[in-house]
Amino acid sequence: MRKLLTLFCLAFCCASIISVERVSLEQLQSDWNKYTNQTVEITTPLVVCGSFYDSLVLAPERLFCPEERAIGLADGDSTMYYQLAAHNRETSICVHLRNSYYKVRTGDIVRGLKARVSGERQLVTGKSVRTRHMPQDRLPRPKKGELRVVGANIENYFADLGGYAHKKTTPAQQALKTTKLVAGLQAMHADIIACCEMQVGNKAPEMLLKALNRNGERYAYITLPLEDMDRIGGCFIYNKERVRPYEEPLSAYQDTSSHYYARMYAVGFEEIATGEKLIIGLNHFKSKRAGRGNYDTHLRRMQNKDSLLAMLPQAIARFEDADILLLGDYNCYTQEGPIQAIVRAGYSDMLPLGHAADYSYSFKGEAGYLDRCFANPSMSTQIIRVRPWHVNADWYYQHGAYKMKDKTMHRYADHDPIIVDIKLK
């Protein structure tokens, strides 16, 4: 009886292998019902647009958030928005798999995918998916005489565990986060790093700098003078051999109890070698949440924009300089209202100018810029280059903590840092 069962299983497996049908993605999408419950081999090369939990989002090309290219729903209905949303929905497929999904990078190429069609745009495979890894993004050092400034969301870096951002974080995970973050910051070769999502107060910056300065007291930090509290804020880390802050930081909010007081402020820096100065605004606008065009949170981001623009003339007066660079996580894609309003106010959105087809964030298979680099006219002429560095967004969302094995800098946070090389004059 056991031999008969074995023979039956072998025959079934052989029949399954023989019945694999080669189809293009276009053929499959034209008639999903025809192929449901069949095993197919997709001949179309596919790009990994997202990886999370036990599934991958694949499409013939990278998918971008509609609001990166079109006016969003919160700013008024847009025919182009609906077209882009429909395109993303109709051209992508979701593949559920058993293992190795955490090793797949966004942007990887998948060829000859074999899987069972379980429903419309849904496939299942019990095997890992083989991909062709895209080359890792290497970041060259800044050239002599250039100042490197970085905007980086470091994703809930807290010294106190069990609070707002780390309800389930263990000390081991916190230590791993610090290891990965230090590796990432060191690889940037930055003179100034504007960090979003740092715990308010001094505990978290001091914990990070203790690890960052292990081989010498090279880096220092500056933040708003507030007591340690269980709240997200921002912090500037800087190379004290290259630059120094001057004057006190200026917040965009007068009320220190405001949720945004430590998330939106400006600092003046002086380059030690030349005496040249610039003003850097660190901004972290209200985050999005699911909903039609994020309309409720969109209004809060519009208020953030108003507060930011009202602060900038005050910053020019306090720091006695007219060169303004605005960095941070604005939680807005390029065509959304707050971004376009800042551009209309005279601040160039530097990233889309040279890297329109790039991104700093990926969510549910769609990429785009949530992290920005704005410059006023006098500052924009001093920027040599600006670009995102894909050290985070392309990796699986739990890449860093998976079985606590990965100690590389990759996925130290969920946003890619924005690298800005400047020659002050």
Protein backbone atom coordinates (compact mmCIF):
# COMPACT_ATOMS: atom_id res chain seq x y z
CA MET A 1 0.00 0.00 0.00
CA ARG A 2 2.88 2.35 0.86
CA LYS A 3 4.53 1.66 -2.53
CA LEU A 4 1.30 2.44 -4.36
CA LEU A 5 0.95 5.71 -2.45
CA THR A 6 4.55 6.64 -3.30
CA LEU A 7 4.00 5.85 -6.98
CA PHE A 8 0.80 7.90 -6.99
CA CYS A 9 2.63 10.90 -5.46
CA LEU A 10 5.43 10.62 -8.02
CA ALA A 11 2.94 10.42 -10.86
CA PHE A 12 1.09 13.45 -9.52
CA CYS A 13 4.31 15.46 -9.23
CA CYS A 14 5.37 14.53 -12.75
CA ALA A 15 1.96 15.49 -14.09
CA SER A 16 2.22 18.82 -12.30
CA ILE A 17 5.63 19.48 -13.82
CA ILE A 18 4.42 18.58 -17.31
CA SER A 19 1.31 20.76 -16.99
CA VAL A 20 3.26 23.98 -16.37
CA GLU A 21 2.17 26.44 -19.05
CA ARG A 22 4.43 29.26 -20.22
CA VAL A 23 2.53 32.56 -20.45
CA SER A 24 3.40 36.22 -20.62
CA LEU A 25 2.14 38.53 -17.90
CA GLU A 26 -0.13 40.17 -20.46
CA GLN A 27 -1.71 36.81 -21.36
CA LEU A 28 -2.25 35.97 -17.71
CA GLN A 29 -3.81 39.33 -16.92
CA SER A 30 -6.12 39.19 -19.94
CA ASP A 31 -7.93 36.12 -18.57
CA TRP A 32 -7.19 35.21 -14.97
CA ASN A 33 -10.09 32.74 -14.78
CA LYS A 34 -8.58 30.66 -17.58
CA TYR A 35 -5.44 29.98 -15.54
CA THR A 36 -6.91 29.80 -12.03
CA ASN A 37 -5.60 26.76 -10.10
CA GLN A 38 -3.03 26.08 -12.81
CA THR A 39 0.74 26.30 -12.44
CA VAL A 40 2.24 28.75 -14.90
CA GLU A 41 5.69 30.01 -15.80
CA ILE A 42 5.62 33.75 -16.48
CA THR A 43 7.94 34.60 -19.36
CA THR A 44 7.82 38.36 -18.74
CA PRO A 45 10.77 39.67 -16.65
CA LEU A 46 9.33 41.16 -13.47
CA VAL A 47 10.60 43.77 -11.03
CA VAL A 48 10.18 43.38 -7.28
CA CYS A 49 8.23 46.45 -6.19
CA GLY A 50 7.77 45.46 -2.58
CA SER A 51 8.47 42.64 -0.11
CA PHE A 52 6.74 42.17 3.22
CA TYR A 53 5.46 39.38 5.46
CA ASP A 54 5.23 36.33 3.17
CA SER A 55 4.57 38.01 -0.17
CA LEU A 56 6.12 39.99 -3.00
CA VAL A 57 4.58 42.65 -5.24
CA LEU A 58 5.83 42.21 -8.82
CA ALA A 59 5.27 44.28 -11.96
CA PRO A 60 6.95 44.78 -15.36
CA GLU A 61 8.50 48.01 -14.03
CA ARG A 62 8.80 49.95 -10.79
CA LEU A 63 5.50 51.31 -9.52
CA PHE A 64 5.32 54.86 -8.19
CA CYS A 65 2.75 56.32 -5.84
CA PRO A 66 0.18 58.21 -7.97
CA GLU A 67 0.68 61.37 -5.90
CA GLU A 68 4.34 61.37 -6.93
CA ARG A 69 3.24 62.09 -10.51
CA ALA A 70 -0.29 63.54 -10.24
CA ILE A 71 -2.35 65.89 -8.07
CA GLY A 72 -3.72 63.80 -5.21
CA LEU A 73 -7.28 63.35 -4.02
CA ALA A 74 -6.76 65.61 -1.00
CA ASP A 75 -5.93 68.51 -3.35
CA GLY A 76 -8.80 67.90 -5.77
CA ASP A 77 -9.77 64.91 -7.88
CA SER A 78 -7.38 64.25 -10.72
CA THR A 79 -8.03 62.15 -13.81
CA MET A 80 -4.32 61.40 -14.04
CA TYR A 81 -4.30 60.26 -10.41
CA TYR A 82 -7.03 57.71 -11.11
CA GLN A 83 -5.25 56.56 -14.27
CA LEU A 84 -1.98 55.98 -12.42
CA ALA A 85 -3.73 54.20 -9.55
CA ALA A 86 -5.53 51.93 -12.04
CA HIS A 87 -2.27 51.26 -13.89
CA ASN A 88 -0.53 50.19 -10.68
CA ARG A 89 -3.44 47.96 -9.71
CA GLU A 90 -3.85 46.34 -13.12
CA THR A 91 -0.19 45.68 -13.95
CA SER A 92 0.99 44.32 -10.59
CA ILE A 93 0.66 40.83 -9.14
CA CYS A 94 1.10 39.51 -5.61
CA VAL A 95 3.08 36.30 -5.08
CA HIS A 96 2.73 34.45 -1.77
CA LEU A 97 5.73 32.28 -0.91
CA ARG A 98 7.00 30.13 1.92
CA ASN A 99 10.55 31.27 2.57
CA SER A 100 13.40 33.59 1.64
CA TYR A 101 11.06 36.55 1.02
CA TYR A 102 13.11 38.58 3.53
CA LYS A 103 16.23 38.16 1.35
CA VAL A 104 14.62 39.73 -1.72
CA ARG A 105 15.37 43.39 -2.43
CA THR A 106 13.03 45.86 -4.02
CA GLY A 107 14.27 46.47 -7.56
CA ASP A 108 15.49 42.88 -8.04
CA ILE A 109 14.61 41.16 -11.32
CA VAL A 110 12.62 37.91 -11.40
CA ARG A 111 12.75 35.72 -14.53
CA GLY A 112 10.86 32.50 -15.25
CA LEU A 113 8.60 32.73 -12.18
CA LYS A 114 6.71 29.45 -11.63
CA ALA A 115 3.66 29.62 -9.39
CA ARG A 116 0.06 28.47 -9.05
CA VAL A 117 -2.61 31.01 -9.97
CA SER A 118 -4.86 31.24 -6.91
CA GLY A 119 -7.01 34.18 -7.98
CA GLU A 120 -6.98 37.48 -9.83
CA ARG A 121 -3.48 38.93 -9.50
CA GLN A 122 -2.69 36.38 -6.78
CA LEU A 123 -0.11 33.59 -7.16
CA VAL A 124 1.23 31.02 -4.70
CA THR A 125 4.51 29.14 -4.67
CA GLY A 126 5.97 26.84 -2.05
CA LYS A 127 9.52 27.68 -3.11
CA SER A 128 11.74 30.69 -2.72
CA VAL A 129 11.85 33.06 -5.67
CA ARG A 130 15.20 33.43 -7.40
CA THR A 131 16.09 36.97 -8.29
CA ARG A 132 18.92 38.84 -9.98
CA HIS A 133 20.14 41.34 -7.42
CA MET A 134 20.68 44.86 -8.64
CA PRO A 135 24.15 46.25 -7.82
CA GLN A 136 24.36 47.71 -4.32
CA ASP A 137 24.40 51.47 -4.25
CA ARG A 138 27.85 52.72 -3.28
CA LEU A 139 28.20 56.22 -1.93
CA PRO A 140 31.41 58.07 -2.88
CA ARG A 141 33.05 60.44 -0.43
CA PRO A 142 32.51 64.17 -0.92
CA LYS A 143 35.23 65.94 -2.87
CA LYS A 144 37.78 68.22 -1.26
CA GLY A 145 36.28 71.56 -0.30
CA GLU A 146 32.70 70.24 -0.28
CA LEU A 147 30.44 70.08 2.74
CA ARG A 148 28.15 67.04 2.98
CA VAL A 149 24.76 67.53 4.60
CA VAL A 150 22.32 64.62 5.04
CA GLY A 151 18.63 64.44 5.85
CA ALA A 152 17.85 61.10 7.50
CA ASN A 153 14.75 59.58 9.08
CA ILE A 154 16.25 57.12 11.59
CA GLU A 155 12.90 55.48 12.46
CA ASN A 156 11.99 55.80 16.12
CA TYR A 157 15.38 55.90 17.79
CA PHE A 158 14.56 55.83 21.50
CA ALA A 159 16.79 55.29 24.53
CA ASP A 160 13.81 54.46 26.77
CA LEU A 161 12.18 51.14 25.90
CA GLY A 162 8.53 50.32 26.44
CA GLY A 163 7.30 53.80 25.53
CA TYR A 164 5.65 55.49 22.55
CA ALA A 165 7.79 54.04 19.78
CA HIS A 166 9.19 50.87 21.31
CA LYS A 167 6.40 49.01 23.08
CA LYS A 168 7.80 45.62 22.02
CA THR A 169 11.47 46.46 21.49
CA THR A 170 13.95 44.36 23.44
CA PRO A 171 17.40 45.55 24.61
CA ALA A 172 18.99 43.20 22.06
CA GLN A 173 16.95 44.75 19.23
CA GLN A 174 17.84 48.23 20.46
CA ALA A 175 21.54 47.32 20.44
CA LEU A 176 21.23 45.92 16.91
CA LYS A 177 19.45 49.09 15.78
CA THR A 178 22.33 51.19 17.15
CA THR A 179 24.93 48.97 15.46
CA LYS A 180 23.22 49.24 12.08
CA LEU A 181 22.54 52.97 12.41
CA VAL A 182 26.15 53.77 13.34
CA ALA A 183 27.37 51.76 10.34
CA GLY A 184 25.02 53.72 8.07
CA LEU A 185 25.93 57.14 9.46
CA GLN A 186 29.65 56.43 9.21
CA ALA A 187 29.30 55.29 5.59
CA MET A 188 27.70 58.63 4.67
CA HIS A 189 30.89 60.61 5.46
CA ALA A 190 28.61 63.49 6.43
CA ASP A 191 29.52 66.76 8.12
CA ILE A 192 25.95 67.47 9.23
CA ILE A 193 23.10 64.96 9.63
CA ALA A 194 19.56 66.21 10.25
CA CYS A 195 17.87 63.27 11.98
CA CYS A 196 14.11 62.79 12.16
CA GLU A 197 12.45 60.45 14.69
CA MET A 198 14.93 60.82 17.54
CA GLN A 199 13.54 60.73 21.07
CA VAL A 200 13.08 64.22 22.51
CA GLY A 201 15.76 65.17 25.01
CA ASN A 202 19.38 64.12 25.46
CA LYS A 203 19.27 60.41 26.27
CA ALA A 204 18.89 59.08 22.71
CA PRO A 205 21.46 61.41 21.07
CA GLU A 206 23.98 60.64 23.81
CA MET A 207 23.42 56.91 23.43
CA LEU A 208 23.95 57.16 19.68
CA LEU A 209 27.04 59.39 19.95
CA LYS A 210 28.62 57.07 22.52
CA ALA A 211 28.66 54.39 19.80
CA LEU A 212 29.47 56.80 16.99
CA ASN A 213 32.46 58.29 18.85
CA ARG A 214 33.91 54.98 19.94
CA ASN A 215 37.19 55.73 18.17
CA GLY A 216 37.40 59.43 19.00
CA GLU A 217 35.30 62.44 19.99
CA ARG A 218 34.63 63.61 16.45
CA TYR A 219 30.86 64.10 16.51
CA ALA A 220 28.58 66.27 18.63
CA TYR A 221 24.86 66.98 18.59
CA ILE A 222 22.49 69.87 18.97
CA THR A 223 18.79 69.73 19.68
CA LEU A 224 16.13 71.91 21.25
CA PRO A 225 16.54 72.34 25.04
CA LEU A 226 13.74 70.10 26.32
CA GLU A 227 13.49 67.52 29.09
CA ASP A 228 13.70 63.86 28.12
CA MET A 229 10.23 62.70 27.17
CA ASP A 230 8.46 59.85 25.43
CA ARG A 231 7.97 61.74 22.17
CA ILE A 232 9.47 61.88 18.71
CA GLY A 233 11.65 64.86 17.90
CA GLY A 234 14.65 65.72 15.78
CA CYS A 235 18.36 66.14 16.29
CA PHE A 236 21.41 67.45 14.38
CA ILE A 237 24.60 65.40 14.52
CA TYR A 238 27.65 67.25 13.22
CA ASN A 239 31.39 66.84 12.75
CA LYS A 240 32.77 69.41 15.18
CA GLU A 241 36.09 69.48 13.33
CA ARG A 242 34.33 70.79 10.22
CA VAL A 243 31.35 72.89 11.34
CA ARG A 244 29.93 74.55 14.41
CA PRO A 245 26.40 75.71 15.25
CA TYR A 246 25.90 79.30 16.30
CA GLU A 247 22.98 81.01 18.04
CA GLU A 248 20.16 79.02 19.63
CA PRO A 249 17.91 76.77 17.48
CA LEU A 250 14.63 78.31 16.34
CA SER A 251 11.43 76.24 16.45
CA ALA A 252 8.57 76.71 13.99
CA TYR A 253 6.20 76.47 16.96
CA GLN A 254 6.09 78.85 19.92
CA ASP A 255 4.24 76.43 22.20
CA THR A 256 6.72 73.92 23.67
CA SER A 257 3.84 71.53 24.42
CA SER A 258 3.03 71.29 20.71
CA HIS A 259 3.54 67.84 19.22
CA TYR A 260 5.66 69.47 16.50
CA TYR A 261 7.82 71.79 18.61
CA ALA A 262 10.87 69.49 18.48
CA ARG A 263 10.07 68.13 15.02
CA MET A 264 10.33 71.39 13.06
CA TYR A 265 13.18 73.78 13.75
CA ALA A 266 16.18 75.51 12.21
CA VAL A 267 19.87 75.71 13.15
CA GLY A 268 22.61 77.98 11.80
CA PHE A 269 25.95 76.32 10.99
CA GLU A 270 29.32 77.87 10.20
CA GLU A 271 31.97 76.06 8.17
CA ILE A 272 35.13 76.33 10.27
CA ALA A 273 37.62 76.38 7.36
CA THR A 274 35.93 79.21 5.44
CA GLY A 275 33.67 81.02 7.90
CA GLU A 276 30.77 80.57 5.44
CA LYS A 277 27.33 80.01 6.96
CA LEU A 278 24.04 78.33 6.11
CA ILE A 279 20.69 77.70 7.77
CA ILE A 280 19.32 74.16 7.87
CA GLY A 281 15.66 73.48 8.60
CA LEU A 282 14.83 70.04 10.01
CA ASN A 283 11.17 69.21 9.35
CA HIS A 284 9.02 66.20 10.11
CA PHE A 285 5.44 66.78 8.96
CA LYS A 286 2.39 64.86 10.16
CA SER A 287 2.44 61.22 9.05
CA LYS A 288 -0.16 59.70 6.74
CA ARG A 289 -2.72 57.06 7.56
CA ALA A 290 -5.07 55.02 5.44
CA GLY A 291 -8.04 56.92 4.04
CA ARG A 292 -9.35 58.68 0.95
CA GLY A 293 -6.43 60.86 -0.02
CA ASN A 294 -5.37 61.04 3.65
CA TYR A 295 -7.61 64.09 3.82
CA ASP A 296 -7.66 64.43 7.62
CA THR A 297 -3.86 64.25 7.96
CA HIS A 298 -3.41 66.34 4.80
CA LEU A 299 -4.91 69.35 6.60
CA ARG A 300 -2.40 68.93 9.42
CA ARG A 301 0.48 68.80 6.93
CA MET A 302 -0.82 71.99 5.33
CA GLN A 303 -0.68 73.60 8.78
CA ASN A 304 2.88 72.30 9.20
CA LYS A 305 3.75 73.97 5.89
CA ASP A 306 2.28 77.28 7.05
CA SER A 307 4.28 77.15 10.30
CA LEU A 308 7.47 76.34 8.40
CA LEU A 309 7.11 79.21 5.93
CA ALA A 310 6.31 81.62 8.78
CA MET A 311 9.52 80.58 10.60
CA LEU A 312 11.95 81.10 7.72
CA PRO A 313 12.05 84.95 7.76
CA GLN A 314 12.65 84.73 11.52
CA ALA A 315 15.51 82.27 10.88
CA ILE A 316 17.15 84.67 8.40
CA ALA A 317 16.97 87.44 11.00
CA ARG A 318 18.29 85.30 13.87
CA PHE A 319 21.14 83.61 12.03
CA GLU A 320 21.96 86.64 9.86
CA ASP A 321 22.33 84.58 6.71
CA ALA A 322 20.14 84.13 3.64
CA ASP A 323 21.19 80.59 2.55
CA ILE A 324 18.45 78.16 3.54
CA LEU A 325 18.42 74.37 3.10
CA LEU A 326 15.29 72.47 4.15
CA LEU A 327 15.58 68.75 4.88
CA GLY A 328 13.51 66.06 6.57
CA ASP A 329 10.56 63.73 6.22
CA TYR A 330 7.64 65.76 4.88
CA ASN A 331 5.32 62.74 4.51
CA CYS A 332 4.20 64.24 1.19
CA TYR A 333 4.80 63.03 -2.34
CA THR A 334 5.96 65.49 -4.98
CA GLN A 335 2.59 66.61 -6.34
CA GLU A 336 0.85 67.05 -2.99
CA GLY A 337 -0.31 70.46 -1.77
CA PRO A 338 2.30 71.18 0.94
CA ILE A 339 5.21 70.44 -1.39
CA GLN A 340 3.85 72.55 -4.21
CA ALA A 341 3.12 75.42 -1.80
CA ILE A 342 6.73 75.43 -0.57
CA VAL A 343 7.91 75.51 -4.20
CA ARG A 344 5.59 78.44 -4.95
CA ALA A 345 7.08 80.24 -1.94
CA GLY A 346 10.46 80.26 -3.73
CA TYR A 347 12.15 77.08 -2.54
CA SER A 348 13.31 74.70 -5.27
CA ASP A 349 12.47 71.01 -4.78
CA MET A 350 15.96 69.77 -5.63
CA LEU A 351 15.41 66.00 -5.87
CA PRO A 352 12.90 65.83 -8.75
CA LEU A 353 15.04 68.29 -10.72
CA GLY A 354 17.81 65.74 -11.26
CA HIS A 355 16.29 62.44 -10.10
CA ALA A 356 12.63 62.52 -11.12
CA ALA A 357 12.46 58.73 -11.58
CA ASP A 358 13.99 58.02 -8.16
CA TYR A 359 12.51 57.65 -4.66
CA SER A 360 13.30 57.66 -0.94
CA TYR A 361 10.48 55.46 0.36
CA SER A 362 8.47 52.42 -0.66
CA PHE A 363 5.09 51.39 0.74
CA LYS A 364 2.83 48.56 -0.41
CA GLY A 365 4.77 48.21 -3.63
CA GLU A 366 4.70 51.92 -4.59
CA ALA A 367 7.74 54.19 -4.41
CA GLY A 368 8.15 57.96 -4.19
CA TYR A 369 9.77 60.86 -2.37
CA LEU A 370 8.57 61.51 1.18
CA ASP A 371 11.97 62.93 2.12
CA ARG A 372 12.84 66.29 0.61
CA CYS A 373 15.61 68.76 -0.09
CA PHE A 374 14.46 72.36 -0.65
CA ALA A 375 16.77 75.31 -1.25
CA ASN A 376 16.14 79.00 -1.72
CA PRO A 377 17.78 80.69 -4.77
CA SER A 378 21.04 81.69 -3.04
CA MET A 379 21.43 78.19 -1.55
CA SER A 380 20.54 76.24 -4.71
CA THR A 381 23.51 77.74 -6.60
CA GLN A 382 25.87 76.29 -3.96
CA ILE A 383 24.54 72.71 -4.18
CA ILE A 384 26.87 70.51 -6.23
CA ARG A 385 24.78 67.35 -6.16
CA VAL A 386 21.80 65.89 -4.33
CA ARG A 387 20.48 62.34 -4.39
CA PRO A 388 18.79 59.64 -2.30
CA TRP A 389 21.00 56.81 -1.08
CA HIS A 390 19.22 53.46 -1.30
CA VAL A 391 20.43 51.87 1.89
CA ASN A 392 17.02 51.28 3.48
CA ALA A 393 13.88 51.41 1.35
CA ASP A 394 14.88 48.54 -0.97
CA TRP A 395 15.27 46.01 1.84
CA TYR A 396 12.57 43.90 3.46
CA TYR A 397 10.91 45.80 6.28
CA GLN A 398 12.23 43.48 9.00
CA HIS A 399 15.59 42.93 7.31
CA GLY A 400 17.61 44.25 10.21
CA ALA A 401 15.87 42.32 12.97
CA TYR A 402 15.33 39.04 11.14
CA LYS A 403 16.59 36.41 13.63
CA MET A 404 18.94 39.15 14.90
CA LYS A 405 21.60 38.04 12.41
CA ASP A 406 22.07 41.02 10.12
CA LYS A 407 24.49 43.61 11.43
CA THR A 408 25.02 45.48 8.17
CA MET A 409 23.87 49.08 7.76
CA HIS A 410 21.06 48.01 5.41
CA ARG A 411 17.55 48.79 6.62
CA TYR A 412 18.65 50.68 9.71
CA ALA A 413 15.41 52.61 9.07
CA ASP A 414 12.50 52.64 6.61
CA HIS A 415 13.43 55.84 4.70
CA ASP A 416 16.47 56.40 2.48
CA PRO A 417 18.71 59.32 3.52
CA ILE A 418 19.05 62.34 1.21
CA ILE A 419 22.70 63.20 0.46
CA VAL A 420 23.52 66.85 -0.34
CA ASP A 421 27.03 67.97 -1.31
CA ILE A 422 27.58 71.73 -1.03
CA LYS A 423 30.38 74.18 -1.76
CA LEU A 424 29.65 77.24 0.33
CA LYS A 425 30.56 80.65 -1.01
